[in-house]
């Protein structure tokens, strides 16, 4: 199960989307919807992964696609960051 919360400290500042729990393909539609709401407000997006306990490959690919759309990831767990780099380089070499 994934918890998705958004917070915006400054009115024109970035919106942080805080994720907690298991990030799996079943949650990606809900996460995409949350990100789309922020995009409609034309505000920068930061995804906080500090409380993510599990990810699957489709979720890593989803995160890579978000990075390519100028989303910033913060508090990325130690096991996710290398996976993102590896998957990202695989996509670039294809």
N, C-alpha and C. Protein backbone atom coordinates (compact mmCIF):
# COMPACT_ATOMS: atom_id res chain seq x y z
N UNK A 1 0.84 -1.18 0.00
CA UNK A 1 0.00 0.00 0.00
C UNK A 1 0.88 1.24 0.00
N UNK A 2 0.46 2.22 -0.77
CA UNK A 2 1.22 3.47 -0.90
C UNK A 2 0.38 4.62 -0.39
N UNK A 3 0.99 5.44 0.43
CA UNK A 3 0.39 6.69 0.89
C UNK A 3 0.96 7.82 0.06
N UNK A 4 0.11 8.70 -0.46
CA UNK A 4 0.54 9.84 -1.25
C UNK A 4 0.03 11.10 -0.57
N UNK A 5 0.95 11.99 -0.22
CA UNK A 5 0.56 13.26 0.39
C UNK A 5 1.30 14.37 -0.33
N UNK A 6 0.64 15.52 -0.48
CA UNK A 6 1.30 16.66 -1.11
C UNK A 6 1.38 17.79 -0.10
N UNK A 7 2.47 18.56 -0.22
CA UNK A 7 2.59 19.74 0.63
C UNK A 7 3.30 20.83 -0.14
N UNK A 8 2.87 22.03 0.14
CA UNK A 8 3.42 23.21 -0.53
C UNK A 8 3.65 24.25 0.56
N UNK A 9 4.90 24.56 0.85
CA UNK A 9 5.22 25.49 1.93
C UNK A 9 5.08 26.93 1.47
N UNK A 10 5.56 27.22 0.27
CA UNK A 10 5.48 28.57 -0.28
C UNK A 10 4.47 28.55 -1.44
N UNK A 11 3.62 29.59 -1.53
CA UNK A 11 2.59 29.59 -2.58
C UNK A 11 3.12 29.35 -4.00
N UNK A 12 4.24 29.94 -4.35
CA UNK A 12 4.78 29.77 -5.70
C UNK A 12 5.94 28.77 -5.73
N UNK A 13 6.21 28.15 -4.59
CA UNK A 13 7.33 27.22 -4.51
C UNK A 13 6.95 25.84 -4.97
N UNK A 14 7.91 24.93 -4.91
CA UNK A 14 7.65 23.57 -5.37
C UNK A 14 6.65 22.85 -4.48
N UNK A 15 5.94 21.93 -5.08
CA UNK A 15 5.03 21.06 -4.34
C UNK A 15 5.77 19.74 -4.12
N UNK A 16 5.83 19.33 -2.87
CA UNK A 16 6.47 18.06 -2.54
C UNK A 16 5.41 16.98 -2.44
N UNK A 17 5.61 15.93 -3.22
CA UNK A 17 4.73 14.77 -3.18
C UNK A 17 5.47 13.72 -2.35
N UNK A 18 4.95 13.46 -1.17
CA UNK A 18 5.59 12.55 -0.22
C UNK A 18 4.96 11.17 -0.39
N UNK A 19 5.82 10.19 -0.65
CA UNK A 19 5.37 8.80 -0.82
C UNK A 19 5.81 7.98 0.38
N UNK A 20 4.94 7.12 0.86
CA UNK A 20 5.27 6.24 1.98
C UNK A 20 4.66 4.87 1.72
N UNK A 21 5.49 3.85 1.87
CA UNK A 21 5.01 2.48 1.68
C UNK A 21 5.56 1.86 0.41
N UNK A 22 4.82 0.93 -0.15
CA UNK A 22 5.24 0.17 -1.32
C UNK A 22 4.79 0.86 -2.60
N UNK A 23 5.75 1.20 -3.43
CA UNK A 23 5.47 1.83 -4.73
C UNK A 23 5.48 0.73 -5.78
N UNK A 24 4.27 0.35 -6.21
CA UNK A 24 4.10 -0.73 -7.19
C UNK A 24 3.25 -0.26 -8.34
N UNK A 25 3.26 -1.05 -9.40
CA UNK A 25 2.53 -0.66 -10.62
C UNK A 25 1.06 -0.37 -10.33
N UNK A 26 0.47 -1.03 -9.35
CA UNK A 26 -0.94 -0.82 -9.03
C UNK A 26 -1.21 0.60 -8.51
N UNK A 27 -0.18 1.27 -8.04
CA UNK A 27 -0.32 2.62 -7.46
C UNK A 27 0.01 3.73 -8.46
N UNK A 28 0.54 3.38 -9.60
CA UNK A 28 1.05 4.39 -10.52
C UNK A 28 -0.03 5.30 -11.09
N UNK A 29 -1.23 4.79 -11.33
CA UNK A 29 -2.30 5.64 -11.85
C UNK A 29 -2.68 6.72 -10.84
N UNK A 30 -2.75 6.33 -9.58
CA UNK A 30 -3.07 7.30 -8.52
C UNK A 30 -1.95 8.33 -8.37
N UNK A 31 -0.71 7.89 -8.45
CA UNK A 31 0.41 8.81 -8.36
C UNK A 31 0.43 9.75 -9.56
N UNK A 32 0.19 9.22 -10.74
CA UNK A 32 0.13 10.06 -11.95
C UNK A 32 -0.95 11.12 -11.82
N UNK A 33 -2.08 10.75 -11.26
CA UNK A 33 -3.17 11.69 -11.06
C UNK A 33 -2.75 12.82 -10.10
N UNK A 34 -2.07 12.46 -9.03
CA UNK A 34 -1.59 13.47 -8.07
C UNK A 34 -0.59 14.41 -8.74
N UNK A 35 0.31 13.86 -9.55
CA UNK A 35 1.30 14.69 -10.24
C UNK A 35 0.63 15.59 -11.28
N UNK A 36 -0.39 15.07 -11.96
CA UNK A 36 -1.11 15.88 -12.95
C UNK A 36 -1.80 17.08 -12.30
N UNK A 37 -2.33 16.88 -11.10
CA UNK A 37 -2.97 18.00 -10.39
C UNK A 37 -1.95 19.11 -10.12
N UNK A 38 -0.75 18.73 -9.73
CA UNK A 38 0.30 19.72 -9.46
C UNK A 38 0.73 20.38 -10.77
N UNK A 39 0.86 19.59 -11.81
CA UNK A 39 1.27 20.15 -13.11
C UNK A 39 0.26 21.18 -13.62
N UNK A 40 -1.00 20.96 -13.37
CA UNK A 40 -2.03 21.92 -13.80
C UNK A 40 -1.86 23.26 -13.09
N UNK A 41 -1.25 23.24 -11.90
CA UNK A 41 -0.99 24.49 -11.16
C UNK A 41 0.31 25.15 -11.61
N UNK A 42 1.03 24.51 -12.54
CA UNK A 42 2.28 25.03 -13.09
C UNK A 42 3.33 25.31 -12.01
N UNK A 43 3.43 24.38 -11.06
CA UNK A 43 4.42 24.51 -9.99
C UNK A 43 5.46 23.40 -10.13
N UNK A 44 6.69 23.68 -9.70
CA UNK A 44 7.72 22.63 -9.72
C UNK A 44 7.30 21.47 -8.79
N UNK A 45 7.75 20.28 -9.16
CA UNK A 45 7.39 19.08 -8.38
C UNK A 45 8.64 18.41 -7.83
N UNK A 46 8.54 18.05 -6.55
CA UNK A 46 9.58 17.27 -5.88
C UNK A 46 8.89 16.01 -5.35
N UNK A 47 9.48 14.86 -5.61
CA UNK A 47 8.95 13.60 -5.05
C UNK A 47 9.89 13.16 -3.94
N UNK A 48 9.35 13.04 -2.74
CA UNK A 48 10.11 12.61 -1.57
C UNK A 48 9.92 11.10 -1.40
N UNK A 49 11.01 10.37 -1.56
CA UNK A 49 10.96 8.90 -1.48
C UNK A 49 11.45 8.36 -0.14
N UNK A 50 11.64 9.24 0.83
CA UNK A 50 12.24 8.85 2.11
C UNK A 50 11.51 7.75 2.86
N UNK A 51 10.22 7.62 2.66
CA UNK A 51 9.44 6.60 3.38
C UNK A 51 9.01 5.44 2.49
N UNK A 52 9.59 5.35 1.30
CA UNK A 52 9.26 4.23 0.40
C UNK A 52 10.01 2.98 0.87
N UNK A 53 9.28 1.90 1.01
CA UNK A 53 9.87 0.66 1.53
C UNK A 53 10.13 -0.38 0.45
N UNK A 54 9.45 -0.24 -0.69
CA UNK A 54 9.56 -1.24 -1.75
C UNK A 54 9.18 -0.60 -3.07
N UNK A 55 9.90 -0.96 -4.14
CA UNK A 55 9.53 -0.50 -5.48
C UNK A 55 9.65 -1.67 -6.44
N UNK A 56 8.88 -1.62 -7.53
CA UNK A 56 9.03 -2.62 -8.58
C UNK A 56 9.64 -1.94 -9.81
N UNK A 57 9.95 -2.73 -10.80
CA UNK A 57 10.64 -2.20 -11.98
C UNK A 57 9.80 -1.16 -12.73
N UNK A 58 8.52 -1.39 -12.88
CA UNK A 58 7.67 -0.42 -13.58
C UNK A 58 7.64 0.92 -12.84
N UNK A 59 7.71 0.87 -11.52
CA UNK A 59 7.73 2.10 -10.74
C UNK A 59 9.04 2.85 -10.93
N UNK A 60 10.14 2.11 -11.01
CA UNK A 60 11.43 2.75 -11.28
C UNK A 60 11.39 3.41 -12.66
N UNK A 61 10.84 2.73 -13.64
CA UNK A 61 10.72 3.31 -14.98
C UNK A 61 9.82 4.55 -14.96
N UNK A 62 8.76 4.50 -14.16
CA UNK A 62 7.87 5.65 -14.00
C UNK A 62 8.64 6.83 -13.41
N UNK A 63 9.44 6.57 -12.38
CA UNK A 63 10.23 7.64 -11.75
C UNK A 63 11.23 8.24 -12.74
N UNK A 64 11.85 7.40 -13.55
CA UNK A 64 12.78 7.90 -14.57
C UNK A 64 12.04 8.82 -15.54
N UNK A 65 10.86 8.44 -15.96
CA UNK A 65 10.07 9.28 -16.86
C UNK A 65 9.74 10.62 -16.20
N UNK A 66 9.49 10.61 -14.90
CA UNK A 66 9.19 11.85 -14.20
C UNK A 66 10.43 12.75 -14.11
N UNK A 67 11.58 12.15 -13.88
CA UNK A 67 12.83 12.91 -13.85
C UNK A 67 13.05 13.58 -15.20
N UNK A 68 12.76 12.86 -16.26
CA UNK A 68 12.92 13.41 -17.61
C UNK A 68 11.95 14.56 -17.86
N UNK A 69 10.88 14.64 -17.07
CA UNK A 69 9.91 15.74 -17.18
C UNK A 69 10.22 16.85 -16.18
N UNK A 70 11.43 16.88 -15.63
CA UNK A 70 11.89 17.91 -14.69
C UNK A 70 11.36 17.76 -13.27
N UNK A 71 10.99 16.56 -12.87
CA UNK A 71 10.62 16.31 -11.48
C UNK A 71 11.91 15.96 -10.74
N UNK A 72 12.03 16.48 -9.54
CA UNK A 72 13.21 16.21 -8.72
C UNK A 72 12.86 15.14 -7.69
N UNK A 73 13.76 14.18 -7.49
CA UNK A 73 13.60 13.18 -6.44
C UNK A 73 14.48 13.56 -5.26
N UNK A 74 13.92 13.43 -4.05
CA UNK A 74 14.70 13.69 -2.84
C UNK A 74 14.53 12.53 -1.88
N UNK A 75 15.48 12.42 -0.95
CA UNK A 75 15.46 11.36 0.06
C UNK A 75 15.30 9.98 -0.56
N UNK A 76 16.01 9.77 -1.65
CA UNK A 76 15.93 8.50 -2.37
C UNK A 76 16.66 7.42 -1.58
N UNK A 77 15.97 6.35 -1.19
CA UNK A 77 16.62 5.27 -0.44
C UNK A 77 17.83 4.70 -1.18
N UNK A 78 18.77 4.25 -0.41
CA UNK A 78 20.04 3.76 -0.93
C UNK A 78 19.89 2.66 -1.98
N UNK A 79 18.88 1.84 -1.87
CA UNK A 79 18.70 0.74 -2.82
C UNK A 79 18.01 1.17 -4.11
N UNK A 80 17.36 2.34 -4.11
CA UNK A 80 16.63 2.77 -5.30
C UNK A 80 17.51 3.59 -6.24
N UNK A 81 18.34 4.46 -5.70
CA UNK A 81 19.15 5.36 -6.53
C UNK A 81 20.01 4.62 -7.56
N UNK A 82 20.77 3.58 -7.19
CA UNK A 82 21.56 2.87 -8.20
C UNK A 82 20.69 2.21 -9.26
N UNK A 83 19.55 1.72 -8.85
CA UNK A 83 18.62 1.07 -9.78
C UNK A 83 18.12 2.09 -10.81
N UNK A 84 17.80 3.29 -10.35
CA UNK A 84 17.36 4.35 -11.26
C UNK A 84 18.48 4.69 -12.24
N UNK A 85 19.70 4.83 -11.74
CA UNK A 85 20.84 5.13 -12.63
C UNK A 85 21.04 4.02 -13.65
N UNK A 86 20.97 2.78 -13.20
CA UNK A 86 21.18 1.63 -14.09
C UNK A 86 20.08 1.57 -15.15
N UNK A 87 18.82 1.68 -14.75
CA UNK A 87 17.71 1.63 -15.70
C UNK A 87 17.76 2.81 -16.67
N UNK A 88 18.15 3.95 -16.15
CA UNK A 88 18.24 5.15 -16.99
C UNK A 88 19.30 4.98 -18.06
N UNK A 89 20.45 4.44 -17.69
CA UNK A 89 21.51 4.23 -18.67
C UNK A 89 21.14 3.15 -19.66
N UNK A 90 20.37 2.13 -19.23
CA UNK A 90 19.90 1.09 -20.16
C UNK A 90 18.99 1.69 -21.21
N UNK A 91 18.10 2.58 -20.79
CA UNK A 91 17.20 3.20 -21.74
C UNK A 91 17.95 4.10 -22.72
N UNK A 92 18.99 4.75 -22.22
CA UNK A 92 19.77 5.64 -23.09
C UNK A 92 20.57 4.85 -24.10
N UNK A 93 20.99 3.63 -23.75
CA UNK A 93 21.82 2.87 -24.68
C UNK A 93 21.00 2.10 -25.71
N UNK A 94 19.69 2.02 -25.53
CA UNK A 94 18.84 1.29 -26.49
C UNK A 94 18.48 2.13 -27.69
